[in-house]
N, C-alpha and C. Protein backbone atom coordinates (compact mmCIF):
# COMPACT_ATOMS: atom_id res chain seq x y z
N UNK A 1 59.10 162.81 130.39
CA UNK A 1 58.84 164.19 130.90
C UNK A 1 57.13 164.16 131.05
N UNK A 2 56.91 164.48 132.39
CA UNK A 2 55.43 164.62 132.80
C UNK A 2 54.98 165.89 132.49
N UNK A 3 53.72 165.96 132.60
CA UNK A 3 52.95 167.37 132.28
C UNK A 3 53.56 168.45 132.99
N UNK A 4 53.87 168.38 134.20
CA UNK A 4 54.37 169.53 134.92
C UNK A 4 55.52 169.94 134.38
N UNK A 5 56.64 168.96 134.16
CA UNK A 5 57.81 169.18 133.60
C UNK A 5 57.76 169.74 132.17
N UNK A 6 56.86 169.40 131.57
CA UNK A 6 56.78 169.83 130.21
C UNK A 6 56.25 171.27 130.29
N UNK A 7 55.24 171.66 131.06
CA UNK A 7 54.76 173.02 131.09
C UNK A 7 55.88 174.08 131.56
N UNK A 8 56.68 173.42 132.40
CA UNK A 8 57.84 174.21 132.95
C UNK A 8 58.90 174.58 131.91
N UNK A 9 59.28 173.48 131.20
CA UNK A 9 60.16 173.42 130.11
C UNK A 9 59.68 174.33 128.93
N UNK A 10 58.41 174.31 128.67
CA UNK A 10 57.73 175.13 127.43
C UNK A 10 57.72 176.60 127.92
N UNK A 11 57.26 176.86 129.15
CA UNK A 11 57.23 178.28 129.56
C UNK A 11 58.45 178.80 129.62
N UNK A 12 59.59 178.06 130.18
CA UNK A 12 60.98 178.65 130.04
C UNK A 12 61.47 178.87 128.58
N UNK A 13 61.10 178.34 127.67
CA UNK A 13 61.55 178.28 126.35
C UNK A 13 60.87 179.37 125.68
N UNK A 14 59.60 179.58 125.88
CA UNK A 14 58.76 180.71 125.36
C UNK A 14 59.38 181.99 125.95
N UNK A 15 59.59 182.13 127.28
CA UNK A 15 60.15 183.36 128.00
C UNK A 15 61.65 183.60 127.35
N UNK A 16 62.33 182.35 127.05
CA UNK A 16 63.64 182.59 126.52
C UNK A 16 63.68 183.34 124.99
N UNK A 17 62.64 182.82 124.32
CA UNK A 17 62.36 183.44 122.99
C UNK A 17 61.87 184.89 122.97
N UNK A 18 61.17 184.91 124.01
CA UNK A 18 60.56 186.63 124.11
C UNK A 18 61.71 187.40 124.47
N UNK A 19 62.58 186.99 125.33
CA UNK A 19 63.63 187.72 125.98
C UNK A 19 64.63 188.03 124.77
N UNK A 20 64.99 187.05 123.91
CA UNK A 20 66.03 187.19 122.87
C UNK A 20 65.49 188.13 121.78
N UNK A 21 64.18 188.18 121.53
CA UNK A 21 63.49 188.94 120.64
C UNK A 21 63.55 190.40 121.05
N UNK A 22 63.20 190.65 122.32
CA UNK A 22 63.33 191.96 122.97
C UNK A 22 64.54 192.52 122.95
N UNK A 23 65.43 191.68 123.06
CA UNK A 23 67.04 192.19 123.18
C UNK A 23 67.69 192.46 121.76
N UNK A 24 67.07 191.70 120.71
CA UNK A 24 67.61 191.75 119.46
C UNK A 24 67.22 193.29 118.87
N UNK A 25 66.47 194.05 119.26
CA UNK A 25 66.16 195.19 118.44
C UNK A 25 65.47 195.16 117.27
N UNK A 26 64.84 193.83 116.89
CA UNK A 26 64.35 193.71 115.72
C UNK A 26 62.89 194.26 115.69
N UNK A 27 62.32 194.92 114.56
CA UNK A 27 61.07 195.52 114.52
C UNK A 27 59.99 194.44 114.51
N UNK A 28 59.66 193.79 115.77
CA UNK A 28 58.66 192.78 115.85
C UNK A 28 58.08 193.21 117.06
N UNK A 29 56.75 193.23 117.21
CA UNK A 29 56.04 193.30 118.53
C UNK A 29 55.72 191.83 118.97
N UNK A 30 56.24 191.75 120.22
CA UNK A 30 56.19 190.46 120.81
C UNK A 30 55.29 190.50 122.20
N UNK A 31 54.31 189.56 121.94
CA UNK A 31 53.45 189.43 123.27
C UNK A 31 53.24 188.03 123.86
N UNK A 32 53.70 187.81 124.85
CA UNK A 32 53.47 186.52 125.61
C UNK A 32 52.09 186.38 126.37
N UNK A 33 51.25 185.62 125.88
CA UNK A 33 49.84 185.62 126.50
C UNK A 33 49.66 184.46 127.44
N UNK A 34 48.67 184.49 128.18
CA UNK A 34 48.36 183.53 129.03
C UNK A 34 48.23 182.32 128.25
N UNK A 35 48.47 181.10 128.97
CA UNK A 35 48.19 179.83 128.24
C UNK A 35 49.24 179.42 127.46
N UNK A 36 50.52 180.03 127.45
CA UNK A 36 51.59 179.42 126.61
C UNK A 36 51.40 179.88 125.29
N UNK A 37 51.06 181.20 124.92
CA UNK A 37 51.04 181.69 123.54
C UNK A 37 51.91 182.81 123.40
N UNK A 38 52.92 182.69 122.42
CA UNK A 38 53.58 183.87 121.97
C UNK A 38 53.24 184.27 120.68
N UNK A 39 53.15 185.53 120.54
CA UNK A 39 52.43 186.11 119.34
C UNK A 39 53.51 187.23 118.76
N UNK A 40 54.07 186.96 117.70
CA UNK A 40 54.93 187.95 117.01
C UNK A 40 54.36 188.42 115.76
N UNK A 41 54.27 189.92 115.91
CA UNK A 41 53.67 190.62 114.80
C UNK A 41 54.74 191.51 114.10
N UNK A 42 54.67 191.52 112.74
CA UNK A 42 55.78 191.99 112.08
C UNK A 42 55.23 193.38 111.42
N UNK A 43 56.00 194.21 110.88
CA UNK A 43 55.72 195.57 110.51
C UNK A 43 54.83 195.36 109.34
N UNK A 44 54.82 194.31 108.52
CA UNK A 44 54.02 194.05 107.28
C UNK A 44 52.52 193.51 107.63
N UNK A 45 52.40 193.35 109.01
CA UNK A 45 51.23 192.85 109.45
C UNK A 45 50.91 191.33 109.55
N UNK A 46 52.03 190.61 109.00
CA UNK A 46 52.05 189.17 109.15
C UNK A 46 52.31 188.75 110.87
N UNK A 47 51.99 187.52 111.03
CA UNK A 47 52.18 187.14 112.34
C UNK A 47 52.76 185.62 112.35
N UNK A 48 53.52 185.40 113.42
CA UNK A 48 53.92 184.07 113.78
C UNK A 48 53.55 183.81 115.18
N UNK A 49 52.89 182.59 115.32
CA UNK A 49 52.37 182.22 116.60
C UNK A 49 53.10 180.97 117.17
N UNK A 50 53.66 181.24 118.39
CA UNK A 50 54.48 180.04 119.11
C UNK A 50 53.51 179.52 120.21
N UNK A 51 53.30 178.52 120.22
CA UNK A 51 52.52 177.92 121.48
C UNK A 51 52.79 176.74 121.97
N UNK A 52 52.60 176.40 123.27
CA UNK A 52 52.88 175.11 123.85
C UNK A 52 51.57 174.28 123.48
N UNK A 53 51.64 173.01 123.29
CA UNK A 53 50.41 172.14 123.00
C UNK A 53 50.59 171.00 124.08
N UNK A 54 50.03 171.21 125.26
CA UNK A 54 49.96 170.15 126.30
C UNK A 54 49.62 168.68 125.97
N UNK A 55 48.54 168.53 125.24
CA UNK A 55 48.22 167.08 124.95
C UNK A 55 49.29 166.50 124.09
N UNK A 56 49.90 167.10 123.29
CA UNK A 56 50.91 166.41 122.38
C UNK A 56 52.52 166.70 123.07
N UNK A 57 52.40 167.49 124.03
CA UNK A 57 53.69 167.94 124.86
C UNK A 57 54.69 168.24 123.68
N UNK A 58 54.30 169.30 123.02
CA UNK A 58 54.96 170.01 121.84
C UNK A 58 54.89 171.44 122.00
N UNK A 59 55.83 171.89 121.39
CA UNK A 59 55.72 173.54 121.07
C UNK A 59 55.32 173.60 119.53
N UNK A 60 54.43 174.25 119.15
CA UNK A 60 53.95 174.50 117.82
C UNK A 60 54.31 175.83 117.33
N UNK A 61 54.72 175.84 116.02
CA UNK A 61 54.94 177.24 115.56
C UNK A 61 54.19 177.41 114.08
N UNK A 62 53.22 178.33 114.09
CA UNK A 62 52.42 178.63 112.77
C UNK A 62 53.03 179.84 112.21
N UNK A 63 53.60 179.69 110.94
CA UNK A 63 54.16 180.84 110.17
C UNK A 63 53.69 180.76 108.78
N UNK A 64 53.92 181.75 107.99
CA UNK A 64 53.55 181.85 106.65
C UNK A 64 54.01 180.49 105.85
N UNK A 65 55.32 180.06 106.21
CA UNK A 65 55.83 179.10 105.62
C UNK A 65 55.25 177.65 105.85
N UNK A 66 54.51 177.70 107.03
CA UNK A 66 53.81 176.31 107.35
C UNK A 66 53.62 176.33 108.89
N UNK A 67 53.21 175.04 109.19
CA UNK A 67 53.07 174.78 110.78
C UNK A 67 54.27 173.70 111.01
N UNK A 68 54.68 173.79 112.32
CA UNK A 68 55.96 172.98 112.84
C UNK A 68 55.68 172.75 114.06
N UNK A 69 56.07 171.29 114.49
CA UNK A 69 55.81 170.68 115.87
C UNK A 69 57.13 170.34 116.35
N UNK A 70 57.51 170.65 117.56
CA UNK A 70 58.76 170.39 118.24
C UNK A 70 58.63 169.70 119.52
N UNK A 71 59.33 168.50 119.49
CA UNK A 71 59.29 167.81 120.88
C UNK A 71 60.52 168.20 121.81
N UNK A 72 60.48 168.06 122.91
CA UNK A 72 61.64 168.28 123.86
C UNK A 72 62.59 167.17 123.84
N UNK A 73 63.99 167.39 123.43
CA UNK A 73 65.05 166.45 123.80
C UNK A 73 65.47 166.84 125.24
N UNK A 74 65.29 168.02 125.55
CA UNK A 74 65.74 168.47 126.90
C UNK A 74 65.03 169.61 127.13
N UNK A 75 65.18 170.48 128.19
CA UNK A 75 64.47 171.58 128.51
C UNK A 75 65.05 172.79 127.59
N UNK A 76 66.43 172.57 127.21
CA UNK A 76 66.94 173.53 126.28
C UNK A 76 66.90 173.22 124.79
N UNK A 77 66.52 172.03 124.35
CA UNK A 77 66.63 171.88 123.06
C UNK A 77 65.28 171.13 122.48
N UNK A 78 64.47 171.70 121.54
CA UNK A 78 63.27 171.16 121.11
C UNK A 78 63.47 170.82 119.57
N UNK A 79 63.00 169.70 119.05
CA UNK A 79 63.47 169.31 117.61
C UNK A 79 62.13 168.96 116.97
N UNK A 80 62.16 169.33 115.70
CA UNK A 80 60.98 168.73 114.89
C UNK A 80 61.13 167.35 114.43
N UNK A 81 60.39 166.61 114.61
CA UNK A 81 60.17 165.08 114.48
C UNK A 81 60.34 164.86 112.94
N UNK A 82 59.83 165.53 112.08
CA UNK A 82 59.79 165.36 110.65
C UNK A 82 61.21 165.76 110.12
N UNK A 83 61.58 167.03 110.40
CA UNK A 83 62.85 167.35 109.59
C UNK A 83 64.41 167.45 110.64
N UNK A 84 64.05 167.19 112.00
CA UNK A 84 65.09 167.28 112.67
C UNK A 84 65.72 168.68 113.13
N UNK A 85 65.00 169.66 112.55
CA UNK A 85 65.44 171.15 112.75
C UNK A 85 65.20 171.53 114.09
N UNK A 86 66.06 172.11 114.84
CA UNK A 86 65.96 172.71 116.16
C UNK A 86 65.06 173.87 116.17
N UNK A 87 64.17 174.00 117.31
CA UNK A 87 63.07 175.15 117.19
C UNK A 87 63.74 176.61 117.17
N UNK A 88 64.77 176.79 117.95
CA UNK A 88 65.34 178.14 117.72
C UNK A 88 65.92 178.47 116.41
N UNK A 89 66.55 177.56 115.74
CA UNK A 89 66.88 177.63 114.32
C UNK A 89 65.72 177.91 113.32
N UNK A 90 64.78 177.16 113.41
CA UNK A 90 63.57 177.27 112.76
C UNK A 90 62.78 178.36 112.92
N UNK A 91 62.58 179.07 114.06
CA UNK A 91 62.04 180.07 114.23
C UNK A 91 62.83 181.18 113.71
N UNK A 92 64.09 181.34 113.96
CA UNK A 92 64.92 182.34 113.28
C UNK A 92 64.68 182.43 111.69
N UNK A 93 64.78 181.27 111.17
CA UNK A 93 64.48 181.14 109.65
C UNK A 93 63.17 181.82 109.34
N UNK A 94 62.04 181.36 110.09
CA UNK A 94 60.69 181.89 109.66
C UNK A 94 60.46 183.45 110.02
N UNK A 95 61.33 183.82 110.91
CA UNK A 95 61.20 185.31 111.15
C UNK A 95 61.92 186.00 110.07
N UNK A 96 62.94 185.61 109.61
CA UNK A 96 63.63 186.27 108.31
C UNK A 96 62.85 186.08 107.14
N UNK A 97 62.20 184.99 106.92
CA UNK A 97 61.42 184.84 105.76
C UNK A 97 60.13 185.72 105.78
N UNK A 98 59.61 186.05 107.16
CA UNK A 98 58.40 186.92 107.05
C UNK A 98 58.75 188.46 107.21
N UNK A 99 59.99 188.80 107.09
CA UNK A 99 60.40 190.13 107.04
C UNK A 99 60.93 190.64 108.28
N UNK A 100 61.27 189.97 109.19
CA UNK A 100 61.65 190.28 110.70
C UNK A 100 63.24 190.50 110.62
N UNK A 101 63.78 190.21 109.46
CA UNK A 101 65.41 190.37 109.66
C UNK A 101 66.05 189.16 110.22
N UNK A 102 67.38 189.23 110.25
CA UNK A 102 68.13 188.12 110.86
C UNK A 102 68.11 188.37 112.45
N UNK A 103 67.69 187.35 113.27
CA UNK A 103 67.77 187.57 114.58
C UNK A 103 68.65 186.18 115.24
N UNK A 104 69.31 186.57 116.32
CA UNK A 104 70.06 185.31 117.12
C UNK A 104 69.20 184.97 118.31
N UNK A 105 68.42 183.82 118.37
CA UNK A 105 67.62 183.51 119.48
C UNK A 105 68.34 182.69 120.55
N UNK A 106 69.54 182.47 120.30
CA UNK A 106 70.22 181.58 121.23
C UNK A 106 70.78 182.45 122.36
N UNK A 107 70.78 183.80 122.31
CA UNK A 107 70.95 184.75 123.35
C UNK A 107 72.20 184.44 124.10
């Protein structure tokens, strides 16, 4: 996957996450910022940051439970190298752990 393909795939995934969260009705403020940064803010004031990291060609997630790096297996499937956990599953878990409730990001 070259840089342009990565940027397109990452932008699509961030947009997909944003749309799924907006549709979920969860009490989470969601803001997609320029540069491929998705910020989730919870009622308790905590945040999860999801962003693309072009140099590594990964999507990174920063949550209370830790930092996670996901590489694309395809435009639709991003997987953590260490654990094999899929991005959407990991993010849903982090959201639940941080007080955002159960969400379905698979839309």
